Amino acid sequence: MVNSTVMTLMIIFRASMLDEVEKLLHESGLIAYTLVNNVQGKGVTGSAVGSFFYPGVNSIIFAVLPPDQADRAVGALKTFHSARVQATHGQPIPFKLFAFPCEELI
């Protein structure tokens, strides 16, 4: 069994933010990730189901990286989130960030 511990970032956000999020990640040195588009769901900011009544959809980015690179990306994403929340005067925005350790097996 390989014992290489890395961090996984899971970033869930409204698809309309995709260009900004990708640019931010690239500027943080993160260039390899998996993007899942047209993600539907419901959360504190409402439904994202791509219908006439709820036109928005989400995207998810999964990134697996060393802890030091994860720290840089998390810092940049927190700054991005804070600016967005400030712009909405404290209202929740459709943006979530999760981080967890994972073990690369292959």
Protein backbone atom coordinates (compact mmCIF):
# COMPACT_ATOMS: atom_id res chain seq x y z
CA MET A 1 0.00 0.00 0.00
CA VAL A 2 1.30 3.46 -0.92
CA ASN A 3 1.42 5.85 2.01
CA SER A 4 1.37 9.29 0.41
CA THR A 5 -1.02 11.57 2.31
CA VAL A 6 -2.36 14.51 0.33
CA MET A 7 -5.24 16.93 0.76
CA THR A 8 -8.45 16.94 -1.23
CA LEU A 9 -10.28 20.19 -1.84
CA MET A 10 -13.92 20.10 -2.85
CA ILE A 11 -15.18 23.46 -4.07
CA ILE A 12 -18.91 23.79 -4.78
CA PHE A 13 -20.06 27.02 -6.38
CA ARG A 14 -22.57 28.54 -8.78
CA ALA A 15 -21.41 27.83 -12.33
CA SER A 16 -21.50 31.54 -13.14
CA MET A 17 -18.35 31.92 -10.96
CA LEU A 18 -16.36 29.30 -12.91
CA ASP A 19 -14.01 31.65 -14.76
CA GLU A 20 -13.15 33.55 -11.58
CA VAL A 21 -12.58 30.38 -9.55
CA GLU A 22 -10.41 28.77 -12.23
CA LYS A 23 -8.32 31.94 -12.58
CA LEU A 24 -7.87 32.12 -8.81
CA LEU A 25 -6.79 28.49 -8.61
CA HIS A 26 -4.34 28.92 -11.48
CA GLU A 27 -2.84 32.01 -9.81
CA SER A 28 -2.45 29.91 -6.63
CA GLY A 29 -0.43 27.35 -8.56
CA LEU A 30 -3.20 24.77 -8.84
CA ILE A 31 -3.40 23.58 -12.44
CA ALA A 32 -4.61 19.97 -12.11
CA TYR A 33 -8.15 19.27 -10.93
CA THR A 34 -11.40 17.63 -11.87
CA LEU A 35 -14.37 19.80 -12.85
CA VAL A 36 -17.95 18.57 -12.68
CA ASN A 37 -20.45 20.85 -14.43
CA ASN A 38 -24.25 21.10 -14.32
CA VAL A 39 -24.51 19.98 -10.71
CA GLN A 40 -27.99 20.26 -9.27
CA GLY A 41 -28.94 20.64 -5.64
CA LYS A 42 -30.44 22.75 -2.91
CA GLY A 43 -28.80 24.65 -0.10
CA VAL A 44 -28.98 27.78 2.03
CA THR A 45 -28.87 29.99 -1.07
CA GLY A 46 -31.76 28.14 -2.73
CA SER A 47 -32.21 25.58 -5.46
CA ALA A 48 -29.80 25.05 -8.33
CA VAL A 49 -31.64 22.74 -10.68
CA GLY A 50 -31.33 24.43 -14.07
CA SER A 51 -35.09 24.78 -14.58
CA PHE A 52 -37.18 27.74 -15.66
CA PHE A 53 -38.02 28.63 -12.06
CA TYR A 54 -34.53 27.85 -10.70
CA PRO A 55 -32.19 28.59 -13.61
CA GLY A 56 -28.83 28.34 -11.83
CA VAL A 57 -26.64 25.25 -11.72
CA ASN A 58 -23.52 24.54 -9.71
CA SER A 59 -20.07 23.27 -10.55
CA ILE A 60 -17.76 21.23 -8.36
CA ILE A 61 -13.98 21.20 -8.49
CA PHE A 62 -12.05 18.36 -6.87
CA ALA A 63 -8.34 18.93 -6.41
CA VAL A 64 -5.86 16.55 -4.78
CA LEU A 65 -2.63 18.24 -3.78
CA PRO A 66 0.14 18.41 -1.20
CA PRO A 67 -0.77 20.16 2.08
CA ASP A 68 1.37 23.26 1.38
CA GLN A 69 -0.26 23.82 -2.01
CA ALA A 70 -3.70 23.20 -0.48
CA ASP A 71 -2.98 25.89 2.12
CA ARG A 72 -2.20 28.45 -0.61
CA ALA A 73 -5.36 27.60 -2.53
CA VAL A 74 -7.52 27.66 0.61
CA GLY A 75 -6.16 31.09 1.56
CA ALA A 76 -6.98 32.48 -1.87
CA LEU A 77 -10.46 30.91 -1.88
CA LYS A 78 -11.23 32.28 1.59
CA THR A 79 -10.25 35.77 0.41
CA PHE A 80 -12.47 35.35 -2.67
CA HIS A 81 -15.38 34.19 -0.49
CA SER A 82 -14.96 37.05 2.00
CA ALA A 83 -15.02 39.62 -0.79
CA ARG A 84 -18.19 38.09 -2.24
CA VAL A 85 -19.93 38.01 1.16
CA GLN A 86 -18.94 41.62 1.79
CA ALA A 87 -20.35 42.60 -1.63
CA THR A 88 -23.68 40.98 -0.69
CA HIS A 89 -23.68 42.72 2.71
CA GLY A 90 -23.33 39.45 4.60
CA GLN A 91 -25.89 37.41 2.68
CA PRO A 92 -24.88 33.80 1.97
CA ILE A 93 -23.42 33.13 -1.45
CA PRO A 94 -23.49 29.85 -3.41
CA PHE A 95 -19.91 28.88 -2.58
CA LYS A 96 -18.64 26.13 -0.27
CA LEU A 97 -15.14 24.84 0.33
CA PHE A 98 -14.26 21.56 2.02
CA ALA A 99 -10.85 20.05 2.67
CA PHE A 100 -9.96 16.60 3.90
CA PRO A 101 -6.92 14.37 3.93
CA CYS A 102 -6.84 11.48 1.55
CA GLU A 103 -4.44 8.70 0.78
CA GLU A 104 -3.20 8.23 -2.76
CA LEU A 105 -3.20 4.49 -3.45
CA ILE A 106 -2.23 4.35 -7.11
